[in-house]
């Protein structure tokens, strides 16, 4: 059976099951009153147990089943209740589980102000990203904004606050938000602890791994519109640099280990053909360049591949044009405009550092890496 938190009485009055309603009171209601689904008008049962959150449930053979979302977990019900109570304190009109007939969609919460309507979805389970995109597109089609709040992943709930590394799945990545100048961040909520978890100022380093800042905020201290993340302090940026260089070293060591095992790795093969010893890989290969997040590969990998392409084509760093960069990007497995911008940014950096070949002896110090990471974190690309 599908479960909901709202129902209508025989008189047509809407009842919302909030945490303030005591179970004994609800048990009396269950004996004396009848309730109906606000969507299909069929009878629903009021269920009041000792563990599960009180809720309404459709009968097993209800035709309304096809119009409601998948069965809900305890965390989802709990989170919806808490967020509903929170928004009621900060917005003019708040509805729980309203059915939007024009879309045949039912957001968890609908906020209506004088200027706009906002659908809020508290997502606890992993669903196809295409479903998320379709629901968001539906809201946009009727000029309605949408806010998706993820349940805080269990592996992150107990992490200490501060700068650290995080592995996000593709599903989590699809909910990354960008604001200027704060950069990329992920907003999540844990109903068990009643705390928001912010993962802010995210820099992608390779695969699923990011460097970022973990911050938490109690529900009681949250505001609406939601508090925006702070930009990193100077001390936090130094921590980013330490982690970034450590991950860079781990990547190089992992490739050296492959070499010892006799594995034919593309990165090692390019190093060999370019006459670059992996252990002595110049610091200007593997830099946190703007738009680097467009590549899934580690910065060492995609930047070496770019230089390898230039060498094969007999093109110098100083003379490669934007059209030639676009041609190179078109040959990649997943070409994109952002990857072209990353290659241009890398080209411009190499020119400014007077690097013209892989045999160049130019030394990049830590201060330069601090500057590059600062540019990414402070989103200067959006100020140009």
Protein backbone atom coordinates (compact mmCIF):
# COMPACT_ATOMS: atom_id res chain seq x y z
CA UNK A 1 0.00 0.00 0.00
CA UNK A 2 1.11 3.55 -0.68
CA UNK A 3 1.09 5.90 2.28
CA UNK A 4 0.40 9.61 2.60
CA UNK A 5 0.37 12.24 5.33
CA UNK A 6 -2.68 14.22 4.20
CA UNK A 7 -6.36 13.26 3.94
CA UNK A 8 -9.83 14.81 3.91
CA UNK A 9 -12.55 14.36 6.50
CA UNK A 10 -16.19 13.66 5.63
CA UNK A 11 -16.75 17.42 5.76
CA UNK A 12 -13.98 18.01 3.22
CA UNK A 13 -11.54 19.50 5.74
CA UNK A 14 -7.88 18.75 5.01
CA UNK A 15 -5.99 16.94 7.77
CA UNK A 16 -2.19 17.03 7.84
CA UNK A 17 -0.37 14.59 10.11
CA UNK A 18 2.30 16.69 11.80
CA UNK A 19 4.64 15.63 14.65
CA UNK A 20 2.60 17.76 17.09
CA UNK A 21 -0.45 15.48 16.80
CA UNK A 22 -0.30 13.02 19.70
CA UNK A 23 -0.83 9.34 18.95
CA UNK A 24 -3.62 8.97 21.52
CA UNK A 25 -5.55 11.76 19.86
CA UNK A 26 -5.07 10.11 16.46
CA UNK A 27 -6.25 6.76 17.82
CA UNK A 28 -9.51 8.43 18.91
CA UNK A 29 -9.89 9.97 15.45
CA UNK A 30 -9.41 6.56 13.90
CA UNK A 31 -12.41 5.21 15.85
CA UNK A 32 -14.72 8.17 15.33
CA UNK A 33 -13.92 9.64 11.91
CA UNK A 34 -13.58 8.62 8.29
CA UNK A 35 -10.87 9.88 6.00
CA UNK A 36 -10.55 10.13 2.24
CA UNK A 37 -7.73 10.59 -0.24
CA UNK A 38 -7.60 14.26 -1.35
CA UNK A 39 -6.70 13.08 -4.84
CA UNK A 40 -9.06 10.19 -5.69
CA UNK A 41 -11.64 10.69 -2.88
CA UNK A 42 -11.55 6.98 -2.00
CA UNK A 43 -11.41 5.96 1.68
CA UNK A 44 -8.01 5.72 3.34
CA UNK A 45 -7.03 4.14 6.64
CA UNK A 46 -5.46 6.09 9.46
CA UNK A 47 -2.67 3.94 10.86
CA UNK A 48 -1.21 4.77 14.26
CA UNK A 49 1.50 2.42 15.51
CA UNK A 50 4.12 2.76 18.21
CA UNK A 51 7.15 2.89 15.90
CA UNK A 52 6.20 3.95 12.38
CA UNK A 53 5.07 7.55 11.90
CA UNK A 54 1.26 7.82 11.84
CA UNK A 55 0.02 7.91 8.25
CA UNK A 56 -2.89 7.32 5.91
CA UNK A 57 -2.88 4.28 3.65
CA UNK A 58 -4.87 3.50 0.53
CA UNK A 59 -6.72 0.22 0.43
CA UNK A 60 -4.90 -2.54 -1.39
CA UNK A 61 -7.09 -2.46 -4.51
CA UNK A 62 -7.30 1.33 -4.76
CA UNK A 63 -7.15 2.70 -8.32
CA UNK A 64 -5.23 5.68 -6.95
CA UNK A 65 -2.10 3.56 -6.56
CA UNK A 66 -0.91 4.34 -10.08
CA UNK A 67 -0.98 8.08 -9.41
CA UNK A 68 1.13 8.05 -6.28
CA UNK A 69 4.88 7.67 -6.05
CA UNK A 70 6.73 4.64 -4.78
CA UNK A 71 6.29 3.41 -1.22
CA UNK A 72 7.88 5.70 1.33
CA UNK A 73 10.45 4.94 3.98
CA UNK A 74 10.33 6.03 7.62
CA UNK A 75 13.08 8.59 6.87
CA UNK A 76 11.10 10.06 3.99
CA UNK A 77 7.96 10.49 6.07
CA UNK A 78 9.92 11.93 8.97
CA UNK A 79 11.84 14.32 6.73
CA UNK A 80 8.70 15.54 4.97
CA UNK A 81 7.01 16.25 8.28
CA UNK A 82 9.99 18.17 9.63
CA UNK A 83 10.52 20.19 6.45
CA UNK A 84 6.80 20.96 6.22
CA UNK A 85 6.83 22.34 9.78
CA UNK A 86 9.99 24.33 8.96
CA UNK A 87 8.57 25.93 5.81
CA UNK A 88 5.35 26.83 7.61
CA UNK A 89 7.41 29.17 9.81
CA UNK A 90 9.09 30.85 6.82
CA UNK A 91 6.53 31.01 4.01
CA UNK A 92 3.02 32.35 3.47
CA UNK A 93 1.32 29.20 2.16
CA UNK A 94 2.73 25.68 2.52
CA UNK A 95 1.02 22.47 1.35
CA UNK A 96 2.05 18.90 2.07
CA UNK A 97 1.71 16.38 -0.77
CA UNK A 98 -0.55 18.49 -3.02
CA UNK A 99 -1.59 16.88 -6.30
CA UNK A 100 -0.90 19.05 -9.36
CA UNK A 101 -3.51 17.89 -11.86
CA UNK A 102 -1.98 19.73 -14.80
CA UNK A 103 1.18 17.64 -14.37
CA UNK A 104 -0.16 14.51 -12.64
CA UNK A 105 2.69 15.12 -10.19
CA UNK A 106 2.70 15.34 -6.44
CA UNK A 107 5.62 17.22 -4.89
CA UNK A 108 6.42 16.48 -1.28
CA UNK A 109 5.83 20.11 -0.36
CA UNK A 110 4.51 23.13 -2.28
CA UNK A 111 5.44 26.64 -1.16
CA UNK A 112 3.44 29.58 -2.53
CA UNK A 113 4.52 33.19 -2.03
CA UNK A 114 3.27 36.42 -3.58
CA UNK A 115 5.84 36.15 -6.37
CA UNK A 116 6.38 32.44 -7.02
CA UNK A 117 5.56 28.79 -6.39
CA UNK A 118 8.26 26.33 -5.34
CA UNK A 119 7.99 22.54 -5.38
CA UNK A 120 10.19 20.84 -2.77
CA UNK A 121 11.25 17.21 -3.18
CA UNK A 122 12.95 15.37 -0.32
CA UNK A 123 14.70 12.48 -2.08
CA UNK A 124 15.66 9.51 0.08
CA UNK A 125 15.99 6.74 -2.50
CA UNK A 126 18.10 6.50 -5.63
CA UNK A 127 15.91 6.87 -8.71
CA UNK A 128 16.86 7.24 -12.40
CA UNK A 129 18.32 10.67 -13.09
CA UNK A 130 15.96 10.88 -16.06
CA UNK A 131 13.03 10.76 -13.61
CA UNK A 132 14.48 13.69 -11.67
CA UNK A 133 14.98 15.65 -14.89
CA UNK A 134 11.44 14.85 -16.06
CA UNK A 135 9.87 16.01 -12.79
CA UNK A 136 11.92 19.21 -12.77
CA UNK A 137 10.98 19.86 -16.41
CA UNK A 138 7.33 19.41 -15.49
CA UNK A 139 7.57 22.07 -12.79
CA UNK A 140 9.35 24.45 -15.17
CA UNK A 141 6.62 23.97 -17.78
CA UNK A 142 4.15 25.68 -15.44
CA UNK A 143 6.65 28.35 -14.29
CA UNK A 144 7.25 26.64 -10.97
CA UNK A 145 10.68 26.42 -9.35
CA UNK A 146 11.87 23.20 -7.77
CA UNK A 147 14.22 22.43 -4.89
CA UNK A 148 15.59 18.93 -4.47
CA UNK A 149 16.93 18.07 -1.02
CA UNK A 150 18.78 14.76 -0.71
CA UNK A 151 18.77 12.60 2.37
CA UNK A 152 22.30 12.86 3.78
CA UNK A 153 24.23 9.76 2.66
CA UNK A 154 24.88 7.54 5.69
CA UNK A 155 28.64 7.49 5.08
CA UNK A 156 28.76 11.31 5.36
CA UNK A 157 26.46 11.87 8.35
CA UNK A 158 29.16 11.42 10.99
CA UNK A 159 32.03 13.07 9.12
CA UNK A 160 33.84 15.88 10.94
CA UNK A 161 33.21 19.37 9.64
CA UNK A 162 35.92 21.06 7.60
CA UNK A 163 37.91 20.40 4.44
CA UNK A 164 37.98 16.79 3.29
CA UNK A 165 37.53 14.41 0.36
CA UNK A 166 34.15 12.98 -0.66
CA UNK A 167 33.14 10.30 -3.14
CA UNK A 168 29.82 11.18 -4.77
CA UNK A 169 27.87 8.83 -7.00
CA UNK A 170 26.58 9.97 -10.40
CA UNK A 171 23.17 10.27 -8.74
CA UNK A 172 24.54 12.63 -6.08
CA UNK A 173 26.44 14.59 -8.72
CA UNK A 174 23.22 15.30 -10.60
CA UNK A 175 22.06 17.39 -7.62
CA UNK A 176 25.14 19.62 -7.42
CA UNK A 177 24.17 23.28 -7.42
CA UNK A 178 26.28 26.20 -8.59
CA UNK A 179 26.07 29.72 -7.19
CA UNK A 180 28.49 32.59 -7.70
CA UNK A 181 30.88 33.17 -6.06
CA UNK A 182 30.37 30.12 -3.81
CA UNK A 183 30.90 27.53 -6.55
CA UNK A 184 29.54 23.97 -6.55
CA UNK A 185 27.82 22.55 -3.48
CA UNK A 186 25.45 19.76 -2.43
CA UNK A 187 22.66 20.34 0.09
CA UNK A 188 21.38 17.34 2.09
CA UNK A 189 19.21 16.81 5.16
CA UNK A 190 19.26 14.16 7.89
CA UNK A 191 15.84 13.83 9.60
CA UNK A 192 17.26 11.60 12.35
CA UNK A 193 19.54 14.39 13.61
CA UNK A 194 17.45 17.27 12.21
CA UNK A 195 20.52 18.79 10.58
CA UNK A 196 21.32 20.06 7.13
CA UNK A 197 24.65 18.94 5.73
CA UNK A 198 26.37 21.22 3.21
CA UNK A 199 29.19 19.94 1.00
CA UNK A 200 30.53 23.18 -0.42
CA UNK A 201 33.23 24.69 -2.65
CA UNK A 202 33.62 21.36 -4.39
CA UNK A 203 36.56 20.69 -6.68
CA UNK A 204 36.47 17.52 -8.76
CA UNK A 205 39.81 15.71 -8.77
CA UNK A 206 39.13 12.35 -10.45
CA UNK A 207 36.31 9.87 -10.96
CA UNK A 208 33.83 10.20 -8.09
CA UNK A 209 36.24 12.05 -5.79
CA UNK A 210 35.91 15.69 -4.78
CA UNK A 211 37.69 17.98 -2.36
CA UNK A 212 35.29 20.22 -0.47
CA UNK A 213 34.12 21.57 2.86
CA UNK A 214 31.60 19.74 5.05
CA UNK A 215 29.42 22.03 7.13
CA UNK A 216 26.28 21.28 9.17
CA UNK A 217 23.39 23.46 10.26
CA UNK A 218 20.60 22.50 12.69
CA UNK A 219 17.08 22.72 11.29
CA UNK A 220 16.27 25.19 14.08
CA UNK A 221 18.94 27.60 12.76
CA UNK A 222 18.16 27.25 9.04
CA UNK A 223 16.56 30.14 7.13
CA UNK A 224 14.56 30.36 3.93
CA UNK A 225 15.67 30.99 1.24
CA UNK A 226 18.31 28.55 2.44
CA UNK A 227 21.56 29.85 3.90
CA UNK A 228 24.22 30.03 1.20
CA UNK A 229 27.63 28.46 1.81
CA UNK A 230 30.56 30.64 2.82
CA UNK A 231 33.61 30.98 0.61
CA UNK A 232 36.71 29.16 1.90
CA UNK A 233 39.10 30.93 4.24
CA UNK A 234 42.82 31.25 3.49
CA UNK A 235 43.56 28.45 5.95
CA UNK A 236 40.98 26.19 4.27
CA UNK A 237 42.51 26.87 0.85
CA UNK A 238 45.91 25.73 2.15
CA UNK A 239 44.22 22.51 3.27
CA UNK A 240 42.80 22.10 -0.26
CA UNK A 241 46.31 22.38 -1.69
CA UNK A 242 47.66 19.75 0.71
CA UNK A 243 44.89 17.31 -0.21
CA UNK A 244 45.16 18.05 -3.92
CA UNK A 245 48.91 17.40 -4.01
CA UNK A 246 48.47 14.26 -1.92
CA UNK A 247 45.87 12.86 -4.35
CA UNK A 248 48.11 13.82 -7.29
CA UNK A 249 50.96 11.85 -5.72
CA UNK A 250 48.65 8.88 -5.08
CA UNK A 251 47.63 8.90 -8.75
CA UNK A 252 51.26 8.90 -9.95
CA UNK A 253 52.21 6.14 -7.50
CA UNK A 254 49.28 4.02 -8.67
CA UNK A 255 50.49 4.30 -12.25
CA UNK A 256 54.06 3.40 -11.25
CA UNK A 257 52.67 0.31 -9.52
CA UNK A 258 50.91 -0.65 -12.76
CA UNK A 259 54.22 -0.27 -14.57
CA UNK A 260 55.90 -2.65 -12.11
CA UNK A 261 53.17 -5.18 -12.81
CA UNK A 262 53.77 -4.87 -16.52
CA UNK A 263 50.31 -3.42 -17.22
CA UNK A 264 50.01 -1.63 -20.56
CA UNK A 265 48.50 1.61 -19.30
CA UNK A 266 47.75 4.57 -21.68
CA UNK A 267 49.17 7.11 -19.22
CA UNK A 268 52.45 5.20 -18.93
CA UNK A 269 52.65 4.75 -22.67
CA UNK A 270 52.26 8.49 -23.25
CA UNK A 271 54.94 9.19 -20.63
CA UNK A 272 57.29 6.82 -22.44
CA UNK A 273 56.69 8.36 -25.87
CA UNK A 274 57.04 11.88 -24.49
CA UNK A 275 60.20 10.84 -22.60
CA UNK A 276 58.72 11.86 -19.26
CA UNK A 277 59.56 9.80 -16.17
CA UNK A 278 56.36 9.41 -14.07
CA UNK A 279 58.25 9.87 -10.80
CA UNK A 280 59.58 13.18 -12.13
CA UNK A 281 56.33 14.35 -13.72
CA UNK A 282 56.55 18.16 -13.89
CA UNK A 283 54.22 20.00 -11.52
CA UNK A 284 52.68 21.79 -14.49
CA UNK A 285 51.15 18.48 -15.58
CA UNK A 286 48.29 17.80 -13.21
CA UNK A 287 47.09 21.28 -12.23
CA UNK A 288 43.65 22.38 -10.90
CA UNK A 289 42.77 24.40 -13.99
CA UNK A 290 39.41 26.13 -14.44
CA UNK A 291 36.76 23.80 -15.93
CA UNK A 292 38.83 20.72 -14.99
CA UNK A 293 35.65 19.21 -13.51
CA UNK A 294 34.45 18.56 -17.07
CA UNK A 295 36.93 15.65 -17.23
CA UNK A 296 36.36 12.43 -15.27
CA UNK A 297 40.07 11.64 -15.49
CA UNK A 298 42.64 12.94 -13.03
CA UNK A 299 44.18 16.27 -14.08
CA UNK A 300 47.52 14.52 -14.69
CA UNK A 301 45.84 12.19 -17.16
CA UNK A 302 43.84 14.60 -19.31
CA UNK A 303 46.57 17.25 -19.36
CA UNK A 304 49.25 14.75 -20.40
CA UNK A 305 46.90 13.45 -23.12
CA UNK A 306 46.44 17.01 -24.42
CA UNK A 307 50.22 17.56 -24.58
CA UNK A 308 50.65 14.14 -26.21
CA UNK A 309 48.17 15.15 -28.94
CA UNK A 310 50.06 18.41 -29.59
CA UNK A 311 53.33 16.50 -29.87
CA UNK A 312 51.90 13.98 -32.34
CA UNK A 313 50.38 16.73 -34.50
CA UNK A 314 53.49 18.89 -34.37
CA UNK A 315 51.57 21.79 -32.81
CA UNK A 316 53.21 24.00 -30.22
CA UNK A 317 51.48 25.23 -27.09
CA UNK A 318 51.85 28.82 -28.24
CA UNK A 319 50.34 28.32 -31.68
CA UNK A 320 47.38 25.99 -31.09
CA UNK A 321 44.17 27.80 -31.98
CA UNK A 322 40.70 27.51 -30.50
CA UNK A 323 39.48 25.69 -33.60
CA UNK A 324 42.31 23.16 -33.20
CA UNK A 325 41.36 22.70 -29.56
CA UNK A 326 37.74 22.08 -30.60
CA UNK A 327 38.94 19.48 -33.10
CA UNK A 328 40.93 17.73 -30.37
CA UNK A 329 37.95 17.74 -27.98
CA UNK A 330 35.71 16.30 -30.71
CA UNK A 331 37.96 13.20 -30.72
CA UNK A 332 37.38 12.51 -27.01
CA UNK A 333 34.90 9.90 -25.80
CA UNK A 334 32.56 12.50 -24.30
CA UNK A 335 33.27 15.81 -26.05
CA UNK A 336 31.83 18.97 -24.51
CA UNK A 337 32.20 22.73 -24.65
CA UNK A 338 33.43 22.72 -21.05
CA UNK A 339 36.31 20.38 -21.95
CA UNK A 340 37.31 22.79 -24.69
CA UNK A 341 37.35 25.62 -22.15
CA UNK A 342 39.51 23.51 -19.81
CA UNK A 343 42.03 22.87 -22.59
CA UNK A 344 42.11 26.57 -23.49
CA UNK A 345 42.63 27.49 -19.83
CA UNK A 346 45.46 24.95 -19.60
CA UNK A 347 47.03 26.27 -22.81
CA UNK A 348 46.88 29.84 -21.49
CA UNK A 349 48.49 28.79 -18.22
CA UNK A 350 51.36 27.00 -19.97
CA UNK A 351 51.99 30.06 -22.14
CA UNK A 352 52.03 32.32 -19.07
CA UNK A 353 54.47 29.91 -17.38
CA UNK A 354 56.66 29.85 -20.53
CA UNK A 355 56.21 26.09 -20.92
CA UNK A 356 56.51 25.00 -24.55
CA UNK A 357 57.32 21.28 -24.34
CA UNK A 358 57.33 18.29 -21.98
CA UNK A 359 61.08 18.67 -21.59
CA UNK A 360 60.70 22.18 -20.21
CA UNK A 361 62.37 22.60 -16.83
CA UNK A 362 59.98 25.27 -15.53
CA UNK A 363 59.22 24.74 -11.84
CA UNK A 364 55.73 25.38 -10.48
CA UNK A 365 55.79 26.17 -6.77
CA UNK A 366 53.05 25.66 -4.21
CA UNK A 367 52.05 29.34 -4.29
CA UNK A 368 51.03 28.96 -7.94
CA UNK A 369 48.85 25.97 -7.10
CA UNK A 370 47.29 27.96 -4.27
CA UNK A 371 46.47 30.69 -6.78
CA UNK A 372 44.90 28.21 -9.23
CA UNK A 373 42.76 26.58 -6.56
CA UNK A 374 41.70 30.02 -5.29
CA UNK A 375 40.56 30.94 -8.79
CA UNK A 376 38.42 27.82 -9.00
CA UNK A 377 36.96 28.18 -5.53
CA UNK A 378 36.16 31.85 -5.93
CA UNK A 379 34.59 31.19 -9.36
CA UNK A 380 36.46 34.02 -11.08
CA UNK A 381 35.50 32.60 -14.44
CA UNK A 382 32.01 34.04 -13.87
CA UNK A 383 33.36 37.52 -13.22
CA UNK A 384 35.15 37.87 -16.56
